Protein backbone atom coordinates (compact mmCIF):
# COMPACT_ATOMS: atom_id res chain seq x y z
CA UNK A 1 0.00 0.00 0.00
CA UNK A 2 1.27 3.45 -0.85
CA UNK A 3 1.97 5.00 2.53
CA UNK A 4 0.25 8.32 1.73
CA UNK A 5 -2.80 6.85 -0.03
CA UNK A 6 -6.16 7.52 1.63
CA UNK A 7 -9.67 6.49 0.66
CA UNK A 8 -11.30 9.35 -1.25
CA UNK A 9 -14.28 10.96 0.45
CA UNK A 10 -13.05 10.50 4.03
CA UNK A 11 -11.16 12.80 6.38
CA UNK A 12 -8.79 11.09 8.80
CA UNK A 13 -9.10 12.00 12.46
CA UNK A 14 -6.40 9.86 14.08
CA UNK A 15 -4.63 6.54 13.75
CA UNK A 16 -6.01 3.93 16.14
CA UNK A 17 -3.50 1.13 15.77
CA UNK A 18 -1.74 -1.33 13.50
CA UNK A 19 -1.34 -5.06 13.35
CA UNK A 20 -0.72 -8.12 11.26
CA UNK A 21 -3.46 -7.41 8.72
CA UNK A 22 -3.11 -3.64 8.45
CA UNK A 23 -3.47 -0.29 10.13
CA UNK A 24 -6.69 1.33 11.33
CA UNK A 25 -7.67 4.98 11.41
CA UNK A 26 -10.66 6.84 12.75
CA UNK A 27 -12.21 8.92 9.96
CA UNK A 28 -15.32 10.89 9.04
CA UNK A 29 -17.38 10.42 5.88
CA UNK A 30 -17.20 13.79 4.15
CA UNK A 31 -20.72 13.44 2.72
CA UNK A 32 -22.70 12.29 5.78
CA UNK A 33 -20.29 13.29 8.58
CA UNK A 34 -20.62 9.75 9.95
CA UNK A 35 -17.68 8.55 12.08
CA UNK A 36 -16.17 5.38 10.62
CA UNK A 37 -13.16 3.13 11.06
CA UNK A 38 -10.98 2.64 7.99
CA UNK A 39 -8.75 -0.44 7.91
CA UNK A 40 -5.96 -0.13 5.35
CA UNK A 41 -4.98 -3.67 4.46
CA UNK A 42 -1.39 -4.79 4.75
CA UNK A 43 0.46 -4.92 1.42
CA UNK A 44 0.88 -8.69 1.83
CA UNK A 45 -2.90 -9.14 1.79
CA UNK A 46 -3.40 -6.69 -1.07
CA UNK A 47 -0.95 -8.59 -3.26
CA UNK A 48 -2.46 -11.97 -2.40
CA UNK A 49 -4.62 -12.59 -5.49
CA UNK A 50 -6.47 -15.48 -3.86
CA UNK A 51 -7.35 -13.31 -0.86
CA UNK A 52 -8.43 -10.44 -3.07
CA UNK A 53 -10.77 -12.61 -5.16
CA UNK A 54 -12.42 -14.07 -2.10
CA UNK A 55 -12.59 -11.01 0.10
CA UNK A 56 -13.89 -8.57 -2.51
CA UNK A 57 -16.95 -10.76 -3.07
CA UNK A 58 -17.40 -11.47 0.66
CA UNK A 59 -17.14 -7.76 1.47
CA UNK A 60 -20.17 -7.11 -0.73
CA UNK A 61 -22.11 -9.75 1.20
CA UNK A 62 -20.89 -8.38 4.53
CA UNK A 63 -22.13 -4.90 3.65
CA UNK A 64 -25.65 -6.35 3.41
CA UNK A 65 -25.59 -7.95 6.85
CA UNK A 66 -27.13 -5.99 9.71
CA UNK A 67 -26.70 -7.91 12.94
CA UNK A 68 -26.18 -6.50 16.45
CA UNK A 69 -23.32 -8.94 16.94
CA UNK A 70 -21.36 -7.81 13.87
CA UNK A 71 -19.34 -4.66 13.34
CA UNK A 72 -20.95 -3.49 10.11
CA UNK A 73 -18.87 -3.34 6.95
CA UNK A 74 -19.91 -0.38 4.81
CA UNK A 75 -17.76 -1.00 1.76
CA UNK A 76 -14.48 -2.37 0.41
CA UNK A 77 -12.32 0.01 -1.64
CA UNK A 78 -9.56 -1.09 -4.03
CA UNK A 79 -7.17 1.01 -6.09
CA UNK A 80 -3.70 0.58 -7.59
CA UNK A 81 -2.35 2.38 -4.51
CA UNK A 82 -4.03 0.28 -1.82
CA UNK A 83 -7.10 -1.45 -0.40
CA UNK A 84 -9.24 -0.56 2.59
CA UNK A 85 -12.36 -1.65 4.45
CA UNK A 86 -14.79 1.04 5.67
CA UNK A 87 -16.47 -0.09 8.87
CA UNK A 88 -18.70 0.99 11.71
CA UNK A 89 -17.02 2.81 14.59
CA UNK A 90 -17.74 1.18 17.95
CA UNK A 91 -16.92 2.66 21.35
CA UNK A 92 -15.51 -0.29 23.27
CA UNK A 93 -12.51 -2.46 24.04
CA UNK A 94 -11.27 -5.66 22.48
CA UNK A 95 -11.84 -8.86 24.39
CA UNK A 96 -8.06 -9.38 24.18
CA UNK A 97 -7.49 -6.19 26.12
CA UNK A 98 -10.22 -7.02 28.60
CA UNK A 99 -8.72 -10.44 29.35
CA UNK A 100 -5.19 -9.05 29.53
CA UNK A 101 -6.09 -6.36 32.03
CA UNK A 102 -9.02 -7.85 33.96
CA UNK A 103 -8.45 -11.61 33.90
CA UNK A 104 -11.22 -14.22 33.59
CA UNK A 105 -14.67 -12.75 33.10
CA UNK A 106 -16.70 -15.20 35.19
CA UNK A 107 -19.32 -17.56 33.76
CA UNK A 108 -22.21 -15.13 33.20
CA UNK A 109 -20.15 -12.57 31.27
CA UNK A 110 -18.43 -15.39 29.37
CA UNK A 111 -21.82 -16.77 28.33
CA UNK A 112 -22.88 -13.33 27.07
CA UNK A 113 -19.72 -13.09 24.96
CA UNK A 114 -20.10 -16.63 23.65
CA UNK A 115 -23.80 -16.20 22.91
CA UNK A 116 -23.32 -12.88 21.13
CA UNK A 117 -20.54 -14.36 19.01
CA UNK A 118 -22.66 -17.37 18.09
CA UNK A 119 -25.50 -15.10 16.96
CA UNK A 120 -23.06 -13.16 14.78
CA UNK A 121 -21.51 -16.37 13.42
CA UNK A 122 -24.98 -17.72 12.63
CA UNK A 123 -25.66 -14.62 10.50
CA UNK A 124 -22.31 -15.00 8.75
CA UNK A 125 -22.71 -18.71 8.08
CA UNK A 126 -26.24 -18.21 6.77
CA UNK A 127 -24.73 -15.81 4.22
CA UNK A 128 -22.13 -18.43 3.29
CA UNK A 129 -19.21 -16.65 5.01
CA UNK A 130 -16.78 -18.16 7.51
CA UNK A 131 -15.00 -15.79 9.86
CA UNK A 132 -11.81 -17.83 9.61
CA UNK A 133 -9.81 -16.00 12.29
CA UNK A 134 -11.98 -15.80 15.42
CA UNK A 135 -9.94 -14.81 18.47
CA UNK A 136 -10.19 -12.39 21.44
CA UNK A 137 -8.60 -9.68 19.27
CA UNK A 138 -11.61 -9.86 16.93
CA UNK A 139 -14.31 -9.45 19.58
CA UNK A 140 -15.24 -5.97 20.80
CA UNK A 141 -17.14 -5.26 24.01
CA UNK A 142 -19.07 -2.00 23.96
CA UNK A 143 -20.15 0.15 26.88
CA UNK A 144 -23.49 -1.65 27.23
CA UNK A 145 -21.79 -5.02 27.67
CA UNK A 146 -22.63 -6.28 24.18
CA UNK A 147 -20.10 -8.34 22.23
CA UNK A 148 -19.52 -7.46 18.56
CA UNK A 149 -17.52 -9.54 16.10
CA UNK A 150 -15.19 -7.92 13.60
CA UNK A 151 -12.37 -8.56 11.08
CA UNK A 152 -14.43 -11.12 9.19
CA UNK A 153 -12.42 -12.90 6.48
CA UNK A 154 -9.49 -10.46 6.80
CA UNK A 155 -6.81 -13.17 6.85
CA UNK A 156 -4.49 -14.56 4.25
CA UNK A 157 -5.15 -18.07 5.52
CA UNK A 158 -1.47 -19.00 5.25
CA UNK A 159 -0.86 -19.61 8.94
CA UNK A 160 1.75 -16.86 9.10
CA UNK A 161 0.07 -15.19 12.03
CA UNK A 162 0.64 -17.24 15.18
CA UNK A 163 -1.75 -15.29 17.37
CA UNK A 164 -4.78 -17.33 16.37
CA UNK A 165 -3.06 -20.68 16.85
CA UNK A 166 -4.43 -21.17 20.36
CA UNK A 167 -7.97 -21.30 18.91
CA UNK A 168 -7.30 -23.16 15.65
CA UNK A 169 -9.47 -26.22 15.02
CA UNK A 170 -7.75 -29.59 14.43
CA UNK A 171 -8.74 -29.75 10.75
CA UNK A 172 -7.15 -26.35 10.08
CA UNK A 173 -3.80 -27.65 11.34
CA UNK A 174 -4.11 -30.34 8.65
CA UNK A 175 -4.67 -27.81 5.87
CA UNK A 176 -8.47 -27.73 5.66
CA UNK A 177 -9.96 -24.37 4.59
CA UNK A 178 -11.77 -22.19 7.16
CA UNK A 179 -15.41 -23.11 7.65
CA UNK A 180 -18.37 -22.91 10.00
CA UNK A 181 -17.21 -25.87 12.13
CA UNK A 182 -13.81 -24.25 12.62
CA UNK A 183 -15.49 -21.00 13.73
CA UNK A 184 -17.50 -22.91 16.36
CA UNK A 185 -14.32 -24.52 17.65
CA UNK A 186 -12.51 -21.17 17.89
CA UNK A 187 -15.44 -19.47 19.63
CA UNK A 188 -15.63 -22.30 22.17
CA UNK A 189 -11.87 -22.09 22.78
CA UNK A 190 -12.20 -18.36 23.48
CA UNK A 191 -15.12 -19.15 25.82
CA UNK A 192 -12.76 -21.42 27.78
CA UNK A 193 -10.27 -18.56 28.02
CA UNK A 194 -12.97 -16.22 29.32
CA UNK A 195 -13.76 -18.76 32.04
CA UNK A 196 -10.24 -19.71 33.07
CA UNK A 197 -7.87 -17.03 31.79
CA UNK A 198 -6.13 -19.54 29.51
CA UNK A 199 -6.99 -21.08 26.15
CA UNK A 200 -7.73 -24.84 26.20
CA UNK A 201 -4.14 -25.79 25.39
CA UNK A 202 -1.55 -23.27 26.59
CA UNK A 203 1.87 -24.02 25.18
CA UNK A 204 4.51 -21.91 23.45
CA UNK A 205 5.50 -24.47 20.83
CA UNK A 206 3.41 -24.62 17.66
CA UNK A 207 4.14 -28.30 17.11
CA UNK A 208 3.00 -29.20 20.62
CA UNK A 209 -0.03 -26.95 20.21
CA UNK A 210 -1.03 -28.66 16.97
CA UNK A 211 -0.66 -32.07 18.62
CA UNK A 212 -2.81 -30.99 21.58
CA UNK A 213 -5.60 -29.65 19.38
CA UNK A 214 -5.58 -32.83 17.31
CA UNK A 215 -5.53 -35.38 20.10
CA UNK A 216 -5.46 -34.16 23.72
CA UNK A 217 -8.48 -34.41 25.98
CA UNK A 218 -10.43 -31.20 26.49
CA UNK A 219 -9.57 -29.98 30.03
CA UNK A 220 -13.16 -29.54 31.19
CA UNK A 221 -12.36 -30.22 34.86
CA UNK A 222 -11.28 -26.59 35.30
CA UNK A 223 -14.70 -25.34 34.09
CA UNK A 224 -17.97 -24.81 35.96
CA UNK A 225 -19.69 -28.18 35.93
CA UNK A 226 -22.91 -27.04 34.18
CA UNK A 227 -20.88 -25.72 31.23
CA UNK A 228 -18.64 -28.72 30.61
CA UNK A 229 -20.93 -30.42 28.11
CA UNK A 230 -21.27 -27.16 26.17
CA UNK A 231 -17.49 -26.87 25.86
CA UNK A 232 -17.03 -30.56 25.01
CA UNK A 233 -19.54 -30.17 22.17
CA UNK A 234 -17.86 -27.10 20.65
CA UNK A 235 -14.33 -28.52 21.01
CA UNK A 236 -15.03 -31.94 19.51
CA UNK A 237 -12.01 -33.03 17.47
CA UNK A 238 -13.92 -34.03 14.34
CA UNK A 239 -15.93 -31.24 12.63
CA UNK A 240 -18.86 -33.62 12.16
CA UNK A 241 -19.05 -34.23 15.91
CA UNK A 242 -19.58 -30.55 16.70
CA UNK A 243 -23.05 -28.97 16.65
CA UNK A 244 -24.46 -28.70 13.17
CA UNK A 245 -24.61 -24.91 13.24
CA UNK A 246 -23.96 -21.84 15.36
CA UNK A 247 -27.73 -21.66 15.93
CA UNK A 248 -27.74 -25.20 17.33
CA UNK A 249 -24.85 -24.44 19.68
CA UNK A 250 -26.60 -21.22 20.73
CA UNK A 251 -29.72 -23.21 21.57
CA UNK A 252 -27.63 -25.51 23.76
CA UNK A 253 -26.02 -22.48 25.41
CA UNK A 254 -29.41 -20.88 26.15
CA UNK A 255 -30.68 -24.08 27.75
CA UNK A 256 -27.55 -24.61 29.84
CA UNK A 257 -27.43 -20.97 31.00
CA UNK A 258 -31.08 -20.80 32.04
CA UNK A 259 -30.94 -24.16 33.80
CA UNK A 260 -27.68 -23.39 35.60
CA UNK A 261 -27.96 -19.69 36.44
CA UNK A 262 -31.65 -18.82 36.10
CA UNK A 263 -33.61 -16.77 33.56
CA UNK A 264 -31.88 -13.48 34.50
CA UNK A 265 -28.42 -14.76 33.55
CA UNK A 266 -28.10 -12.61 30.43
CA UNK A 267 -28.96 -9.31 32.12
CA UNK A 268 -26.59 -10.10 34.98
CA UNK A 269 -23.86 -11.11 32.55
CA UNK A 270 -24.19 -7.92 30.52
CA UNK A 271 -23.98 -5.79 33.67
CA UNK A 272 -20.83 -7.64 34.67
CA UNK A 273 -19.34 -7.34 31.18
CA UNK A 274 -20.13 -3.63 30.96
CA UNK A 275 -18.19 -3.02 34.18
CA UNK A 276 -15.26 -5.13 33.01
CA UNK A 277 -15.12 -3.22 29.72
CA UNK A 278 -15.10 0.14 31.52
CA UNK A 279 -12.31 -1.04 33.83
CA UNK A 280 -10.34 -2.38 30.86
CA UNK A 281 -10.66 0.94 29.00
CA UNK A 282 -9.29 2.79 32.02
CA UNK A 283 -6.46 0.35 32.73
CA UNK A 284 -2.92 0.99 31.41
CA UNK A 285 -2.16 -1.27 28.47
CA UNK A 286 1.07 -2.07 26.66
CA UNK A 287 0.46 -4.76 24.05
CA UNK A 288 3.44 -6.47 22.47
CA UNK A 289 3.91 -6.01 18.69
CA UNK A 290 2.45 -8.65 16.38
CA UNK A 291 4.54 -11.74 15.70
CA UNK A 292 4.62 -14.19 12.82
CA UNK A 293 4.96 -17.90 13.42
CA UNK A 294 8.50 -19.19 13.79
CA UNK A 295 8.02 -22.35 15.78
CA UNK A 296 6.45 -20.88 18.88
CA UNK A 297 3.03 -19.52 19.51
CA UNK A 298 2.22 -16.24 21.14
CA UNK A 299 3.21 -16.40 24.77
CA UNK A 300 0.54 -17.97 27.01
CA UNK A 301 -1.20 -15.89 29.58
CA UNK A 302 1.04 -15.97 32.63
CA UNK A 303 2.01 -12.46 31.50
CA UNK A 304 -0.27 -12.48 28.49
CA UNK A 305 0.26 -9.79 25.89
CA UNK A 306 -1.53 -9.49 22.60
CA UNK A 307 -1.69 -6.97 19.76
CA UNK A 308 -5.34 -5.90 19.42
CA UNK A 309 -5.63 -6.15 15.62
CA UNK A 310 -9.37 -5.69 15.36
CA UNK A 311 -9.78 -4.21 18.74
CA UNK A 312 -8.30 -1.23 16.98
CA UNK A 313 -10.74 -1.51 14.08
CA UNK A 314 -13.60 0.04 16.00
CA UNK A 315 -12.09 1.64 19.07
CA UNK A 316 -13.04 5.19 19.87
CA UNK A 317 -10.52 7.76 21.00
CA UNK A 318 -11.28 7.02 24.63
CA UNK A 319 -9.47 3.71 24.23
CA UNK A 320 -6.16 5.28 23.28
CA UNK A 321 -4.43 5.41 26.65
CA UNK A 322 -0.93 5.98 27.90
CA UNK A 323 1.48 3.07 27.51
CA UNK A 324 2.27 1.19 30.69
CA UNK A 325 2.81 -2.34 31.96
CA UNK A 326 0.15 -4.96 31.36
CA UNK A 327 -1.77 -5.73 34.51
CA UNK A 328 -1.32 -9.40 35.43
CA UNK A 329 -4.22 -11.83 35.43
CA UNK A 330 -6.24 -12.08 38.59
CA UNK A 331 -9.22 -14.13 39.60
CA UNK A 332 -11.59 -12.26 41.87
CA UNK A 333 -14.19 -13.73 44.14
CA UNK A 334 -17.03 -12.00 42.28
CA UNK A 335 -15.91 -13.68 39.04
CA UNK A 336 -17.62 -16.87 40.15
CA UNK A 337 -21.41 -17.13 39.76
CA UNK A 338 -23.23 -19.80 41.73
CA UNK A 339 -25.22 -22.19 39.54
CA UNK A 340 -28.83 -22.84 40.38
CA UNK A 341 -28.13 -26.57 40.07
CA UNK A 342 -24.98 -28.48 40.81
CA UNK A 343 -25.00 -30.38 37.52
CA UNK A 344 -26.86 -30.00 34.24
CA UNK A 345 -26.20 -32.45 31.42
CA UNK A 346 -25.79 -30.66 28.09
CA UNK A 347 -26.23 -32.53 24.80
CA UNK A 348 -23.55 -32.20 22.14
CA UNK A 349 -26.24 -31.41 19.57
CA UNK A 350 -29.60 -29.74 19.82
CA UNK A 351 -32.29 -32.42 20.20
CA UNK A 352 -34.03 -33.23 16.92
CA UNK A 353 -37.24 -34.72 18.25
CA UNK A 354 -40.41 -32.88 17.25
CA UNK A 355 -41.46 -32.44 20.86
CA UNK A 356 -38.17 -31.04 22.17
CA UNK A 357 -38.96 -29.63 25.61
CA UNK A 358 -38.14 -26.17 26.86
CA UNK A 359 -36.03 -25.88 30.03
CA UNK A 360 -39.20 -25.88 32.07
CA UNK A 361 -40.18 -29.24 30.56
CA UNK A 362 -43.04 -27.97 28.37
CA UNK A 363 -42.92 -29.17 24.73
CA UNK A 364 -42.12 -26.45 22.24
CA UNK A 365 -45.05 -25.13 20.16
CA UNK A 366 -45.65 -27.03 16.93
CA UNK A 367 -48.43 -24.98 15.30
CA UNK A 368 -48.48 -21.34 14.14
CA UNK A 369 -51.22 -20.38 16.60
CA UNK A 370 -49.51 -22.03 19.56
CA UNK A 371 -46.19 -20.38 18.74
CA UNK A 372 -47.87 -16.98 18.31
CA UNK A 373 -49.52 -17.31 21.71
CA UNK A 374 -46.25 -18.38 23.35
CA UNK A 375 -44.23 -15.53 21.81
CA UNK A 376 -46.94 -12.97 22.55
CA UNK A 377 -47.16 -14.00 26.20
CA UNK A 378 -43.38 -14.09 26.68
CA UNK A 379 -42.85 -10.69 25.04
CA UNK A 380 -45.75 -9.10 26.95
CA UNK A 381 -44.14 -10.19 30.22
CA UNK A 382 -40.76 -8.64 29.32
CA UNK A 383 -42.33 -5.56 27.66
CA UNK A 384 -39.15 -4.13 26.11
CA UNK A 385 -36.09 -5.13 24.08
CA UNK A 386 -33.24 -3.86 21.93
CA UNK A 387 -33.45 -4.43 18.19
CA UNK A 388 -31.46 -4.02 14.99
CA UNK A 389 -33.38 -3.90 11.72
CA UNK A 390 -32.44 -3.80 8.06
CA UNK A 391 -34.53 -3.76 4.92
CA UNK A 392 -32.78 -4.51 1.65
CA UNK A 393 -34.69 -3.14 -1.32
CA UNK A 394 -34.32 -1.10 -4.46
CA UNK A 395 -35.25 2.39 -5.48
CA UNK A 396 -34.31 4.30 -2.34
CA UNK A 397 -36.27 2.04 -0.02
CA UNK A 398 -33.39 0.45 1.90
CA UNK A 399 -33.66 1.09 5.63
CA UNK A 400 -31.52 0.36 8.68
CA UNK A 401 -32.47 1.03 12.28
CA UNK A 402 -31.03 0.35 15.71
CA UNK A 403 -32.72 1.06 19.01
CA UNK A 404 -35.24 -0.05 21.62
CA UNK A 405 -38.90 -1.03 21.45
CA UNK A 406 -41.49 -1.03 24.21
CA UNK A 407 -44.75 -2.96 24.01
CA UNK A 408 -47.90 -1.05 24.88
CA UNK A 409 -51.27 -2.51 25.70
CA UNK A 410 -53.83 -2.08 22.94
CA UNK A 411 -51.69 0.21 20.78
CA UNK A 412 -48.69 0.25 18.45
CA UNK A 413 -45.22 -0.46 19.76
CA UNK A 414 -43.35 2.61 21.00
CA UNK A 415 -39.80 2.85 19.64
CA UNK A 416 -36.70 4.95 20.18
CA UNK A 417 -34.30 4.33 17.32
CA UNK A 418 -31.55 5.65 15.14
CA UNK A 419 -32.60 5.25 11.52
CA UNK A 420 -30.76 5.72 8.24
CA UNK A 421 -30.35 4.45 4.71
CA UNK A 422 -27.65 1.76 4.53
CA UNK A 423 -26.83 2.93 1.00
CA UNK A 424 -23.85 5.11 1.86
CA UNK A 425 -24.31 7.66 -0.92
CA UNK A 426 -28.04 7.96 -0.31
CA UNK A 427 -28.98 11.53 0.79
CA UNK A 428 -30.53 9.96 3.90
CA UNK A 429 -27.47 7.93 4.90
CA UNK A 430 -26.96 10.16 7.93
CA UNK A 431 -28.09 8.49 11.16
CA UNK A 432 -30.95 10.35 12.78
CA UNK A 433 -32.68 9.64 16.07
CA UNK A 434 -36.43 9.17 15.75
CA UNK A 435 -38.92 8.44 18.53
CA UNK A 436 -42.31 6.91 17.69
CA UNK A 437 -45.15 7.12 20.18
CA UNK A 438 -48.62 6.19 19.00
CA UNK A 439 -49.10 7.41 15.44
CA UNK A 440 -46.55 10.22 15.74
CA UNK A 441 -42.88 10.16 14.79
CA UNK A 442 -40.56 12.71 16.39
CA UNK A 443 -37.53 13.34 14.16
CA UNK A 444 -34.40 14.95 15.65
CA UNK A 445 -33.20 17.28 12.90
CA UNK A 446 -32.20 20.63 14.43
CA UNK A 447 -34.79 20.11 17.12
CA UNK A 448 -37.71 17.69 17.37
CA UNK A 449 -40.21 17.58 14.52
CA UNK A 450 -43.51 15.71 15.16
CA UNK A 451 -44.92 14.09 12.02
CA UNK A 452 -47.49 11.40 11.24
CA UNK A 453 -45.88 7.95 11.43
CA UNK A 454 -47.14 6.83 8.04
CA UNK A 455 -45.52 5.58 4.85
CA UNK A 456 -45.04 8.19 2.15
CA UNK A 457 -44.74 7.27 -1.51
CA UNK A 458 -42.05 9.91 -1.98
CA UNK A 459 -39.50 11.31 0.45
CA UNK A 460 -40.47 14.93 -0.01
CA UNK A 461 -37.99 16.27 2.56
CA UNK A 462 -35.57 14.90 5.14
CA UNK A 463 -37.90 15.00 8.15
CA UNK A 464 -40.71 13.22 6.30
CA UNK A 465 -38.22 10.73 4.88
CA UNK A 466 -36.87 9.77 8.30
CA UNK A 467 -40.37 9.63 9.79
CA UNK A 468 -41.42 7.25 7.02
CA UNK A 469 -38.31 5.09 7.37
CA UNK A 470 -38.74 4.86 11.13
CA UNK A 471 -42.43 3.94 10.81
CA UNK A 472 -41.59 1.11 8.42
CA UNK A 473 -38.79 -0.09 10.70
CA UNK A 474 -41.16 -0.08 13.68
CA UNK A 475 -43.82 -2.12 11.89
CA UNK A 476 -41.24 -4.56 10.57
CA UNK A 477 -39.49 -5.04 13.93
CA UNK A 478 -42.65 -5.16 16.04
CA UNK A 479 -43.75 -8.26 17.87
CA UNK A 480 -47.14 -7.67 16.20
CA UNK A 481 -45.47 -8.41 12.86
CA UNK A 482 -44.23 -11.77 14.14
CA UNK A 483 -47.67 -12.62 15.48
CA UNK A 484 -49.41 -11.50 12.27
CA UNK A 485 -47.09 -13.65 10.13
CA UNK A 486 -47.67 -16.70 12.32
CA UNK A 487 -51.44 -16.30 12.56
CA UNK A 488 -51.68 -15.83 8.79
CA UNK A 489 -49.65 -18.97 8.14
CA UNK A 490 -51.27 -22.36 7.60
CA UNK A 491 -48.27 -24.35 8.84
CA UNK A 492 -44.74 -23.92 10.11
CA UNK A 493 -41.63 -26.05 10.00
CA UNK A 494 -39.32 -26.20 13.02
CA UNK A 495 -35.57 -26.81 13.09
CA UNK A 496 -34.19 -26.51 16.60
CA UNK A 497 -35.54 -23.16 17.79
CA UNK A 498 -36.06 -21.74 14.29
CA UNK A 499 -39.50 -21.76 12.64
CA UNK A 500 -40.16 -21.12 8.94
CA UNK A 501 -43.44 -20.60 7.12
CA UNK A 502 -45.30 -18.59 4.50
CA UNK A 503 -48.18 -16.13 4.81
CA UNK A 504 -50.62 -14.82 2.16
CA UNK A 505 -49.99 -11.19 1.32
CA UNK A 506 -53.71 -10.47 1.10
CA UNK A 507 -54.23 -11.64 4.69
CA UNK A 508 -51.36 -9.51 5.99
CA UNK A 509 -52.67 -6.43 4.19
CA UNK A 510 -55.96 -6.77 6.09
CA UNK A 511 -54.22 -7.09 9.46
CA UNK A 512 -54.89 -4.03 11.59
CA UNK A 513 -51.43 -3.98 13.18
CA UNK A 514 -49.11 -4.41 10.18
CA UNK A 515 -51.37 -3.92 7.16
CA UNK A 516 -49.68 -0.59 6.40
CA UNK A 517 -46.34 -2.36 6.12
CA UNK A 518 -47.51 -4.89 3.53
CA UNK A 519 -50.12 -2.83 1.64
CA UNK A 520 -47.60 -1.26 -0.79
CA UNK A 521 -46.65 -4.72 -2.05
CA UNK A 522 -50.23 -5.63 -2.98
CA UNK A 523 -50.12 -3.55 -6.15
CA UNK A 524 -46.50 -3.91 -7.20
CA UNK A 525 -46.16 -7.56 -6.24
CA UNK A 526 -49.68 -8.91 -6.61
CA UNK A 527 -49.92 -12.56 -5.65
CA UNK A 528 -46.63 -12.29 -3.77
CA UNK A 529 -45.35 -15.00 -1.48
CA UNK A 530 -44.29 -13.81 1.95
CA UNK A 531 -41.84 -16.23 3.55
CA UNK A 532 -40.51 -15.83 7.08
CA UNK A 533 -38.17 -17.38 9.62
CA UNK A 534 -38.42 -16.58 13.30
CA UNK A 535 -35.85 -17.83 15.79
CA UNK A 536 -36.69 -17.90 19.47
CA UNK A 537 -34.70 -18.55 22.60
CA UNK A 538 -35.34 -21.31 25.08
CA UNK A 539 -37.58 -18.78 26.87
CA UNK A 540 -39.63 -18.41 23.62
CA UNK A 541 -38.68 -14.75 23.29
CA UNK A 542 -37.86 -13.71 19.70
CA UNK A 543 -34.17 -13.60 18.80
CA UNK A 544 -34.43 -12.89 15.08
CA UNK A 545 -36.95 -12.48 12.27
CA UNK A 546 -36.39 -12.57 8.53
CA UNK A 547 -39.18 -11.78 6.07
CA UNK A 548 -38.85 -12.17 2.30
CA UNK A 549 -41.49 -10.74 -0.04
CA UNK A 550 -41.13 -12.38 -3.45
CA UNK A 551 -43.20 -11.05 -6.41
CA UNK A 552 -45.23 -13.36 -8.58
CA UNK A 553 -43.45 -15.01 -11.49
CA UNK A 554 -42.91 -12.41 -14.18
CA UNK A 555 -43.67 -9.50 -11.86
CA UNK A 556 -41.60 -6.34 -12.13
CA UNK A 557 -41.18 -5.79 -8.40
CA UNK A 558 -37.93 -6.82 -6.76
CA UNK A 559 -37.51 -9.14 -3.81
CA UNK A 560 -37.75 -7.32 -0.49
CA UNK A 561 -35.96 -8.70 2.57
CA UNK A 562 -36.55 -7.52 6.15
CA UNK A 563 -34.20 -8.70 8.91
CA UNK A 564 -34.56 -7.93 12.60
CA UNK A 565 -32.50 -9.15 15.54
CA UNK A 566 -33.67 -8.82 19.13
CA UNK A 567 -31.68 -8.79 22.35
CA UNK A 568 -31.78 -7.54 25.94
CA UNK A 569 -35.39 -8.54 26.54
CA UNK A 570 -36.72 -7.11 29.80
CA UNK A 571 -34.47 -4.04 29.65
CA UNK A 572 -35.70 -1.02 31.59
CA UNK A 573 -36.80 1.55 29.05
CA UNK A 574 -39.27 4.40 29.08
CA UNK A 575 -40.16 5.82 25.67
CA UNK A 576 -42.04 9.11 25.79
CA UNK A 577 -42.77 11.91 23.37
CA UNK A 578 -39.82 14.36 23.33
CA UNK A 579 -40.50 17.85 24.60
């Protein structure tokens, strides 16, 4: 890469760090004034033709993914002078830094990290992308205690970087290409490190490390007893013996966590993780420079040091601290959560029987009506959640939103969100806060502007455009949408905790809660098929929803895809009309 080359259209603010795969700078998009992180790829990667072919196509797919567990990729830029990835800026610390400065996280925080990573990996794998280099350096913890995965597919795959060796699946040591099973192995290995402060096999020698990953017993005795089966499943030596998917392993995690630590485990874990991240950001940190493999792996964690390659990708300026000695590992008494039960057997795969029970022993719903009732009751009890939504469509109709929703009795969901167009050069790509209460949208553009929360055929001005985008995001992300899809469906198919089905467009248009969302498709996509997939947790609360509206054969309308991810159910939130 030419040292002075910069991506056109961005103003650099400061350099955040450098590592094996490139250097990272904080920048601002000149058009939208959006803060971003720009990763300039190392010359070795840029000249690797195989990497370039694969990553350029994967970057386009990554830019379409909107998942709370993924640091969003905006675009990939190539020129004769260099290559760079434009990404979301996240205010947080890398998991590598957190472990280096704070030591083991404790089981509840570790489960939150593991679960968040599995949700992100599930989204990647569904899109046909393997992360390929999962490690603590590639996991960011933000101020709210949420884990976000980054640096997807940014690896040459030649084994020259020894830092990921401690998490490398057995088949990768034998030359197999990165894949979903290898990602599950790496994520489980990092989970072990969160629990104990050490990766599963801590040795300096690469040869000994490879031998251990291929054949040594998983050291589960050092782990909390209720979590041993979960780790044994993810660290199975043969890829075929691991869970079939990240979603399956996440189901197993949910069941083990609820059974062992109670239904409030996730909220408690996020609180714990948020505190750890704040302490890590304030702690002096002096990472060692990156090292290539030369017969010994990165030094194990007795005085563990690590270069935060992707920690730097999305770190805000608050994370740039004075250089000092790395704080040694320490295990504190409050790192240990007490399980509800002394022992909980965990299957290596999610049960496949049609009547798979929930943790409370009640069979999971098998019909659309029963599932709708179960989801509606569970969501009504929790009342609020965080959500991330994305709509991929043509003609200026793409929408992205991130925020909180609150269920109200007898009325539309209240929402407080940031909404924008994910098309970077769209005039509405700027992120704008919008609050929706009842049928009114309050748009924060030089003060609050109250507008009707209805869909407009044309975006006549910015305030109306954002009001319209937010209204569509609210209808799409609402629990009412999930219930309407299920109750309009004649049958559903279940795989683990994921349910798929189809719903007639005409029925949805007549639904009083979401009819306004689907009505525009009745004319342009007459006879359309609306397909959906809803994934729930073991508590039957929604975790994700994907809706695909496909026009009739020969129709001119394009396929519309809505994706929503839910988290932090039961959060305390009060959404009121701004003054």
